Amino acid sequence: MNHKALSLLTAVAFATVVSGCSAEVAGQANAPAESGLDLSKFADDPCRLFTGEELNSQDEFNTPKLKDTSQGPACFWDPKAMTRPAYLITFSTKETFEELKKKARKGETFRETMVAGHPAFVSNIGDGQGTCDTTISASGGDAVEVRITTNFRAEPEYPIACDLSEKLAGRVVEKLKA
């Protein structure tokens, strides 16, 4: 695939994932933190946050899987095509935002940021390509971790996984505030 075609595919993939992310959310990278995010509305089932269509209208997904993890409840959206991105959103109610941040600093990829006015960080144990997490501070020390995973280097999402997880994190904030 030539560079121009890959750039076009990357732009389409990026636009697909961030569609629905308002300019207000995307533009608040340096805004001060507001009141904490309340996870209680979706705490019993984070799979209710999004449909597969809302996550990425270009892909089909298997039925989302609710999981109880060591951090707290999580939902995994597994694509039907194994070469396409998977999504995982975890409500960290068993480990605090600060504990997660301390662990994440040990990885190769780490940067603090703001997502829709909330303290957050972007991280990955590796170079941030293929898989990347954006973790947002929530009420009472809780956190929300948004992960995008693409295991195939040829996919347009692979080199921009951190950008995509950060944009999706903005959409999660919108859903939690709605």
C-alpha atoms as a PDB file:
ATOM      1  CA  MET A   1       0.000   0.000   0.000  1.00  0.00           C
ATOM      2  CA  ASN A   2       1.451   3.384  -0.924  1.00  0.00           C
ATOM      3  CA  HIS A   3       1.946   6.204   1.581  1.00  0.00           C
ATOM      4  CA  LYS A   4      -0.902   8.327   0.168  1.00  0.00           C
ATOM      5  CA  ALA A   5      -3.415   5.456   0.450  1.00  0.00           C
ATOM      6  CA  LEU A   6      -2.289   4.675   3.995  1.00  0.00           C
ATOM      7  CA  SER A   7      -2.634   8.342   4.992  1.00  0.00           C
ATOM      8  CA  LEU A   8      -6.161   8.416   3.574  1.00  0.00           C
ATOM      9  CA  LEU A   9      -7.116   5.219   5.421  1.00  0.00           C
ATOM     10  CA  THR A  10      -5.631   6.584   8.637  1.00  0.00           C
ATOM     11  CA  ALA A  11      -7.628   9.791   8.281  1.00  0.00           C
ATOM     12  CA  VAL A  12     -10.850   7.837   7.650  1.00  0.00           C
ATOM     13  CA  ALA A  13     -10.237   5.570  10.657  1.00  0.00           C
ATOM     14  CA  PHE A  14      -9.458   8.536  12.891  1.00  0.00           C
ATOM     15  CA  ALA A  15     -12.576  10.399  11.746  1.00  0.00           C
ATOM     16  CA  THR A  16     -14.710   7.301  12.337  1.00  0.00           C
ATOM     17  CA  VAL A  17     -13.597   6.823  15.929  1.00  0.00           C
ATOM     18  CA  VAL A  18     -13.826  10.488  16.845  1.00  0.00           C
ATOM     19  CA  SER A  19     -17.168  11.107  15.138  1.00  0.00           C
ATOM     20  CA  GLY A  20     -19.558  12.086  17.830  1.00  0.00           C
ATOM     21  CA  CYS A  21     -16.802  13.791  19.830  1.00  0.00           C
ATOM     22  CA  SER A  22     -17.898  17.408  20.060  1.00  0.00           C
ATOM     23  CA  ALA A  23     -15.485  20.238  19.367  1.00  0.00           C
ATOM     24  CA  GLU A  24     -16.016  21.292  22.983  1.00  0.00           C
ATOM     25  CA  VAL A  25     -14.693  17.950  24.273  1.00  0.00           C
ATOM     26  CA  ALA A  26     -11.827  17.766  21.811  1.00  0.00           C
ATOM     27  CA  GLY A  27     -10.816  21.379  22.465  1.00  0.00           C
ATOM     28  CA  GLN A  28     -10.671  21.212  26.251  1.00  0.00           C
ATOM     29  CA  ALA A  29      -7.210  19.692  26.494  1.00  0.00           C
ATOM     30  CA  ASN A  30      -5.973  22.465  28.797  1.00  0.00           C
ATOM     31  CA  ALA A  31      -9.216  23.322  30.604  1.00  0.00           C
ATOM     32  CA  PRO A  32      -9.244  23.037  34.398  1.00  0.00           C
ATOM     33  CA  ALA A  33     -10.779  19.943  35.962  1.00  0.00           C
ATOM     34  CA  GLU A  34     -14.464  20.149  36.763  1.00  0.00           C
ATOM     35  CA  SER A  35     -16.253  18.056  39.363  1.00  0.00           C
ATOM     36  CA  GLY A  36     -15.375  14.352  39.260  1.00  0.00           C
ATOM     37  CA  LEU A  37     -17.024  11.920  36.916  1.00  0.00           C
ATOM     38  CA  ASP A  38     -19.683   9.734  38.487  1.00  0.00           C
ATOM     39  CA  LEU A  39     -19.380   6.129  37.302  1.00  0.00           C
ATOM     40  CA  SER A  40     -22.498   4.891  39.112  1.00  0.00           C
ATOM     41  CA  LYS A  41     -24.821   5.249  36.090  1.00  0.00           C
ATOM     42  CA  PHE A  42     -22.880   2.535  34.210  1.00  0.00           C
ATOM     43  CA  ALA A  43     -21.019   0.818  37.076  1.00  0.00           C
ATOM     44  CA  ASP A  44     -23.071  -2.374  36.839  1.00  0.00           C
ATOM     45  CA  ASP A  45     -22.438  -2.691  33.091  1.00  0.00           C
ATOM     46  CA  PRO A  46     -19.955  -0.465  31.226  1.00  0.00           C
ATOM     47  CA  CYS A  47     -21.071  -2.264  28.041  1.00  0.00           C
ATOM     48  CA  ARG A  48     -24.076   0.070  28.053  1.00  0.00           C
ATOM     49  CA  LEU A  49     -21.789   3.040  27.279  1.00  0.00           C
ATOM     50  CA  PHE A  50     -21.617   2.320  23.541  1.00  0.00           C
ATOM     51  CA  THR A  51     -22.955   0.095  20.832  1.00  0.00           C
ATOM     52  CA  GLY A  52     -20.445  -1.298  18.363  1.00  0.00           C
ATOM     53  CA  GLU A  53     -21.876   1.087  15.773  1.00  0.00           C
ATOM     54  CA  GLU A  54     -21.137   4.027  18.073  1.00  0.00           C
ATOM     55  CA  LEU A  55     -17.554   2.842  18.623  1.00  0.00           C
ATOM     56  CA  ASN A  56     -16.718   2.374  14.978  1.00  0.00           C
ATOM     57  CA  SER A  57     -19.345   2.370  12.268  1.00  0.00           C
ATOM     58  CA  GLN A  58     -16.905   0.770   9.797  1.00  0.00           C
ATOM     59  CA  ASP A  59     -16.630  -2.502  11.741  1.00  0.00           C
ATOM     60  CA  GLU A  60     -18.914  -5.248  13.025  1.00  0.00           C
ATOM     61  CA  PHE A  61     -18.492  -6.491  16.578  1.00  0.00           C
ATOM     62  CA  ASN A  62     -19.306  -9.634  18.472  1.00  0.00           C
ATOM     63  CA  THR A  63     -21.604  -9.210  21.470  1.00  0.00           C
ATOM     64  CA  PRO A  64     -19.771  -7.026  24.023  1.00  0.00           C
ATOM     65  CA  LYS A  65     -18.370  -8.973  26.974  1.00  0.00           C
ATOM     66  CA  LEU A  66     -18.758  -7.735  30.533  1.00  0.00           C
ATOM     67  CA  LYS A  67     -15.785  -8.728  32.684  1.00  0.00           C
ATOM     68  CA  ASP A  68     -14.892  -8.376  36.338  1.00  0.00           C
ATOM     69  CA  THR A  69     -11.199  -7.444  36.374  1.00  0.00           C
ATOM     70  CA  SER A  70      -8.704  -6.759  39.134  1.00  0.00           C
ATOM     71  CA  GLN A  71      -9.391  -3.040  38.575  1.00  0.00           C
ATOM     72  CA  GLY A  72     -13.183  -3.257  38.438  1.00  0.00           C
ATOM     73  CA  PRO A  73     -15.942  -3.841  35.864  1.00  0.00           C
ATOM     74  CA  ALA A  74     -14.906  -3.748  32.215  1.00  0.00           C
ATOM     75  CA  CYS A  75     -16.438  -4.175  28.793  1.00  0.00           C
ATOM     76  CA  PHE A  76     -14.637  -5.661  25.807  1.00  0.00           C
ATOM     77  CA  TRP A  77     -15.809  -4.993  22.245  1.00  0.00           C
ATOM     78  CA  ASP A  78     -14.257  -7.658  20.033  1.00  0.00           C
ATOM     79  CA  PRO A  79     -14.376  -7.048  16.259  1.00  0.00           C
ATOM     80  CA  LYS A  80     -15.652  -9.825  14.005  1.00  0.00           C
ATOM     81  CA  ALA A  81     -12.660  -9.262  11.696  1.00  0.00           C
ATOM     82  CA  MET A  82      -9.567 -10.174  13.701  1.00  0.00           C
ATOM     83  CA  THR A  83      -7.464  -7.559  11.925  1.00  0.00           C
ATOM     84  CA  ARG A  84      -9.638  -4.692  13.168  1.00  0.00           C
ATOM     85  CA  PRO A  85      -9.358  -2.737  16.455  1.00  0.00           C
ATOM     86  CA  ALA A  86     -10.779  -4.022  19.729  1.00  0.00           C
ATOM     87  CA  TYR A  87     -11.935  -1.719  22.505  1.00  0.00           C
ATOM     88  CA  LEU A  88     -11.841  -2.158  26.281  1.00  0.00           C
ATOM     89  CA  ILE A  89     -13.327   0.267  28.802  1.00  0.00           C
ATOM     90  CA  THR A  90     -12.617  -0.427  32.459  1.00  0.00           C
ATOM     91  CA  PHE A  91     -14.087   1.348  35.474  1.00  0.00           C
ATOM     92  CA  SER A  92     -11.224   1.242  37.944  1.00  0.00           C
ATOM     93  CA  THR A  93     -12.995   1.109  41.303  1.00  0.00           C
ATOM     94  CA  LYS A  94     -10.426  -1.185  42.967  1.00  0.00           C
ATOM     95  CA  GLU A  95      -7.294   0.803  42.048  1.00  0.00           C
ATOM     96  CA  THR A  96      -7.170   4.588  42.241  1.00  0.00           C
ATOM     97  CA  PHE A  97      -6.277   6.974  39.447  1.00  0.00           C
ATOM     98  CA  GLU A  98      -3.043   7.829  41.261  1.00  0.00           C
ATOM     99  CA  GLU A  99      -2.090   4.140  41.699  1.00  0.00           C
ATOM    100  CA  LEU A 100      -2.691   3.509  38.008  1.00  0.00           C
ATOM    101  CA  LYS A 101      -0.673   6.587  37.056  1.00  0.00           C
ATOM    102  CA  LYS A 102       2.258   5.468  39.215  1.00  0.00           C
ATOM    103  CA  LYS A 103       2.290   2.056  37.451  1.00  0.00           C
ATOM    104  CA  ALA A 104       1.887   3.617  33.990  1.00  0.00           C
ATOM    105  CA  ARG A 105       4.917   5.891  34.439  1.00  0.00           C
ATOM    106  CA  LYS A 106       7.091   2.762  34.210  1.00  0.00           C
ATOM    107  CA  GLY A 107       6.080   2.141  30.590  1.00  0.00           C
ATOM    108  CA  GLU A 108       7.791   3.421  27.488  1.00  0.00           C
ATOM    109  CA  THR A 109       4.817   5.630  26.575  1.00  0.00           C
ATOM    110  CA  PHE A 110       3.461   8.014  29.212  1.00  0.00           C
ATOM    111  CA  ARG A 111       2.131  11.557  29.106  1.00  0.00           C
ATOM    112  CA  GLU A 112      -0.243  13.467  31.310  1.00  0.00           C
ATOM    113  CA  THR A 113      -3.091  15.321  29.639  1.00  0.00           C
ATOM    114  CA  MET A 114      -6.609  16.632  30.180  1.00  0.00           C
ATOM    115  CA  VAL A 115      -9.628  14.956  28.609  1.00  0.00           C
ATOM    116  CA  ALA A 116     -12.718  17.145  28.463  1.00  0.00           C
ATOM    117  CA  GLY A 117     -11.498  19.081  31.496  1.00  0.00           C
ATOM    118  CA  HIS A 118     -10.551  16.020  33.548  1.00  0.00           C
ATOM    119  CA  PRO A 119      -7.029  14.955  34.543  1.00  0.00           C
ATOM    120  CA  ALA A 120      -5.900  11.992  32.466  1.00  0.00           C
ATOM    121  CA  PHE A 121      -2.853  10.204  31.158  1.00  0.00           C
ATOM    122  CA  VAL A 122      -2.002   8.284  28.010  1.00  0.00           C
ATOM    123  CA  SER A 123       0.135   5.180  28.443  1.00  0.00           C
ATOM    124  CA  ASN A 124       1.458   1.908  27.103  1.00  0.00           C
ATOM    125  CA  ILE A 125       4.269  -0.387  28.163  1.00  0.00           C
ATOM    126  CA  GLY A 126       5.618  -0.157  24.603  1.00  0.00           C
ATOM    127  CA  ASP A 127       5.882   2.580  22.004  1.00  0.00           C
ATOM    128  CA  GLY A 128       2.151   3.383  21.951  1.00  0.00           C
ATOM    129  CA  GLN A 129       1.559   1.825  18.556  1.00  0.00           C
ATOM    130  CA  GLY A 130      -1.036  -0.903  18.211  1.00  0.00           C
ATOM    131  CA  THR A 131      -2.288  -0.673  21.786  1.00  0.00           C
ATOM    132  CA  CYS A 132      -2.740   2.405  23.920  1.00  0.00           C
ATOM    133  CA  ASP A 133      -4.653   3.410  27.047  1.00  0.00           C
ATOM    134  CA  THR A 134      -6.100   6.720  28.121  1.00  0.00           C
ATOM    135  CA  THR A 135      -7.022   6.807  31.800  1.00  0.00           C
ATOM    136  CA  ILE A 136      -9.319   9.542  33.127  1.00  0.00           C
ATOM    137  CA  SER A 137      -9.730  10.632  36.745  1.00  0.00           C
ATOM    138  CA  ALA A 138     -13.236  10.083  38.152  1.00  0.00           C
ATOM    139  CA  SER A 139     -15.011  10.766  41.462  1.00  0.00           C
ATOM    140  CA  GLY A 140     -13.592   9.470  44.712  1.00  0.00           C
ATOM    141  CA  GLY A 141     -10.209   8.509  43.258  1.00  0.00           C
ATOM    142  CA  ASP A 142     -11.792   6.101  40.740  1.00  0.00           C
ATOM    143  CA  ALA A 143     -10.710   6.091  37.107  1.00  0.00           C
ATOM    144  CA  VAL A 144     -11.864   5.069  33.641  1.00  0.00           C
ATOM    145  CA  GLU A 145      -9.378   3.312  31.372  1.00  0.00           C
ATOM    146  CA  VAL A 146     -10.037   3.385  27.628  1.00  0.00           C
ATOM    147  CA  ARG A 147      -7.935   0.951  25.579  1.00  0.00           C
ATOM    148  CA  ILE A 148      -7.714   0.459  21.843  1.00  0.00           C
ATOM    149  CA  THR A 149      -5.829  -2.555  20.491  1.00  0.00           C
ATOM    150  CA  THR A 150      -4.888  -3.238  16.883  1.00  0.00           C
ATOM    151  CA  ASN A 151      -2.410  -6.056  16.442  1.00  0.00           C
ATOM    152  CA  PHE A 152      -1.803  -5.672  12.724  1.00  0.00           C
ATOM    153  CA  ARG A 153       0.742  -3.080  11.627  1.00  0.00           C
ATOM    154  CA  ALA A 154      -0.945  -2.723   8.234  1.00  0.00           C
ATOM    155  CA  GLU A 155      -4.142  -1.362   9.802  1.00  0.00           C
ATOM    156  CA  PRO A 156      -4.457   2.454   9.717  1.00  0.00           C
ATOM    157  CA  GLU A 157      -5.232   2.599  13.452  1.00  0.00           C
ATOM    158  CA  TYR A 158      -1.942   0.932  14.426  1.00  0.00           C
ATOM    159  CA  PRO A 159       0.331   4.021  14.431  1.00  0.00           C
ATOM    160  CA  ILE A 160      -2.302   6.313  15.991  1.00  0.00           C
ATOM    161  CA  ALA A 161      -3.631   4.084  18.792  1.00  0.00           C
ATOM    162  CA  CYS A 162      -2.865   6.687  21.483  1.00  0.00           C
ATOM    163  CA  ASP A 163      -4.644   9.465  19.578  1.00  0.00           C
ATOM    164  CA  LEU A 164      -7.663   7.227  19.086  1.00  0.00           C
ATOM    165  CA  SER A 165      -7.838   6.130  22.736  1.00  0.00           C
ATOM    166  CA  GLU A 166      -7.639   9.755  23.863  1.00  0.00           C
ATOM    167  CA  LYS A 167     -10.452  10.821  21.509  1.00  0.00           C
ATOM    168  CA  LEU A 168     -12.606   7.880  22.589  1.00  0.00           C
ATOM    169  CA  ALA A 169     -11.939   8.837  26.220  1.00  0.00           C
ATOM    170  CA  GLY A 170     -13.494  12.229  25.426  1.00  0.00           C
ATOM    171  CA  ARG A 171     -16.609  10.463  24.182  1.00  0.00           C
ATOM    172  CA  VAL A 172     -16.695   8.362  27.376  1.00  0.00           C
ATOM    173  CA  VAL A 173     -16.675  11.577  29.426  1.00  0.00           C
ATOM    174  CA  GLU A 174     -19.605  12.892  27.359  1.00  0.00           C
ATOM    175  CA  LYS A 175     -21.566   9.681  28.013  1.00  0.00           C
ATOM    176  CA  LEU A 176     -20.828   9.767  31.745  1.00  0.00           C
ATOM    177  CA  LYS A 177     -21.978  13.383  31.974  1.00  0.00           C
ATOM    178  CA  ALA A 178     -25.170  12.849  29.936  1.00  0.00           C
END
